[in-house]
Amino acid sequence: MIVRDAAKIIKVSNNVYLFETIFSTFLSMYKRDKVEAEYLKNLGKRIKTIRKEKHIKQVELGYSCDIEKQSMSRIEAGNTNPSILLLRKIAEILGVTVSDFLDF
């Protein structure tokens, strides 16, 4: 009986520890997500700025990249995380380098 009670106590302790670990992981993910969201917004603004400087319409850039206008719109709004290959394609079409997008 004592062993069984001890096991329950250990299990409860493990569950409490597990809960604290999950909560702290969630909290750190939330903080990271805020930072990443801000980064994606800045990236999108930079792409939009360069596109406008080149007098290219959003729909034209999307078409040239083989993506729909809505996808390009989400990238420029910072609502999606474009792949590095898509960023390379966008940069190539705009006549810049990928590192130019990161200059913010």
Protein backbone atom coordinates (compact mmCIF):
# COMPACT_ATOMS: atom_id res chain seq x y z
CA MET A 1 0.00 0.00 0.00
CA ILE A 2 2.80 2.41 0.81
CA VAL A 3 4.55 1.63 -2.48
CA ARG A 4 1.31 2.19 -4.35
CA ASP A 5 0.76 5.53 -2.57
CA ALA A 6 4.37 6.48 -3.26
CA ALA A 7 3.84 5.64 -6.94
CA LYS A 8 0.78 7.86 -7.03
CA ILE A 9 2.71 10.66 -5.39
CA ILE A 10 5.54 10.26 -7.86
CA LYS A 11 3.07 10.15 -10.72
CA VAL A 12 1.34 13.27 -9.45
CA SER A 13 4.71 14.92 -9.07
CA ASN A 14 5.65 13.88 -12.59
CA ASN A 15 2.34 15.16 -13.94
CA VAL A 16 2.82 18.48 -12.18
CA TYR A 17 6.37 18.70 -13.53
CA LEU A 18 5.16 17.68 -16.98
CA PHE A 19 2.43 20.32 -16.83
CA GLU A 20 4.97 22.98 -15.84
CA THR A 21 7.25 21.88 -18.67
CA ILE A 22 4.43 22.00 -21.22
CA PHE A 23 3.32 25.41 -19.95
CA SER A 24 6.83 26.87 -20.10
CA THR A 25 7.33 25.37 -23.58
CA PHE A 26 4.03 26.92 -24.72
CA LEU A 27 5.06 30.27 -23.24
CA SER A 28 8.43 30.24 -25.00
CA MET A 29 6.76 29.20 -28.27
CA TYR A 30 4.30 32.09 -27.90
CA LYS A 31 7.13 34.56 -27.37
CA ARG A 32 9.05 33.10 -30.30
CA ASP A 33 5.93 33.21 -32.47
CA LYS A 34 5.53 36.94 -31.74
CA VAL A 35 9.14 37.56 -32.76
CA GLU A 36 8.76 35.42 -35.87
CA ALA A 37 5.49 37.14 -36.81
CA GLU A 38 7.18 40.53 -36.57
CA TYR A 39 10.07 39.25 -38.68
CA LEU A 40 7.69 37.96 -41.37
CA LYS A 41 5.83 41.28 -41.41
CA ASN A 42 9.10 43.16 -41.91
CA LEU A 43 10.14 40.74 -44.64
CA GLY A 44 6.81 41.21 -46.42
CA LYS A 45 7.02 45.00 -46.16
CA ARG A 46 10.52 44.90 -47.66
CA ILE A 47 9.40 42.73 -50.58
CA LYS A 48 6.45 45.06 -51.19
CA THR A 49 8.67 48.16 -51.07
CA ILE A 50 11.12 46.72 -53.59
CA ARG A 51 8.29 45.53 -55.84
CA LYS A 52 6.74 49.00 -55.86
CA GLU A 53 10.13 50.63 -56.53
CA LYS A 54 10.39 48.39 -59.61
CA HIS A 55 6.82 49.36 -60.66
CA ILE A 56 5.69 45.75 -60.72
CA LYS A 57 2.12 44.85 -59.80
CA GLN A 58 1.54 42.24 -57.15
CA VAL A 59 -0.40 40.04 -59.56
CA GLU A 60 2.46 40.22 -62.10
CA LEU A 61 5.04 39.22 -59.50
CA GLY A 62 2.86 36.35 -58.33
CA TYR A 63 2.33 35.17 -61.89
CA SER A 64 6.07 35.31 -62.58
CA CYS A 65 6.71 33.24 -59.45
CA ASP A 66 4.03 30.68 -60.38
CA ILE A 67 1.94 31.53 -57.34
CA GLU A 68 -1.47 33.10 -57.04
CA LYS A 69 -2.01 36.76 -56.21
CA GLN A 70 -3.49 35.78 -52.84
CA SER A 71 -0.28 33.94 -51.93
CA MET A 72 1.81 36.97 -52.86
CA SER A 73 -0.55 39.13 -50.84
CA ARG A 74 -0.10 36.88 -47.78
CA ILE A 75 3.70 37.03 -48.17
CA GLU A 76 3.69 40.83 -48.36
CA ALA A 77 1.35 41.04 -45.37
CA GLY A 78 3.63 38.77 -43.35
CA ASN A 79 0.92 36.15 -42.93
CA THR A 80 2.90 33.24 -44.36
CA ASN A 81 6.44 31.96 -44.22
CA PRO A 82 7.78 31.70 -47.78
CA SER A 83 10.37 29.06 -48.54
CA ILE A 84 13.92 30.11 -49.26
CA LEU A 85 13.46 28.88 -52.82
CA LEU A 86 10.43 31.12 -53.30
CA LEU A 87 12.33 34.06 -51.83
CA ARG A 88 15.15 33.33 -54.28
CA LYS A 89 12.68 33.31 -57.18
CA ILE A 90 11.06 36.58 -56.04
CA ALA A 91 14.49 38.19 -55.67
CA GLU A 92 15.54 37.01 -59.11
CA ILE A 93 12.41 38.46 -60.72
CA LEU A 94 12.84 41.76 -58.87
CA GLY A 95 16.52 41.91 -59.82
CA VAL A 96 17.81 41.87 -56.26
CA THR A 97 19.36 39.35 -53.88
CA VAL A 98 17.61 37.55 -51.06
CA SER A 99 19.78 39.48 -48.62
CA ASP A 100 18.20 42.71 -49.92
CA PHE A 101 14.90 41.46 -48.46
CA LEU A 102 16.52 41.13 -45.06
CA ASP A 103 17.76 44.71 -44.96
CA PHE A 104 15.24 46.06 -42.45
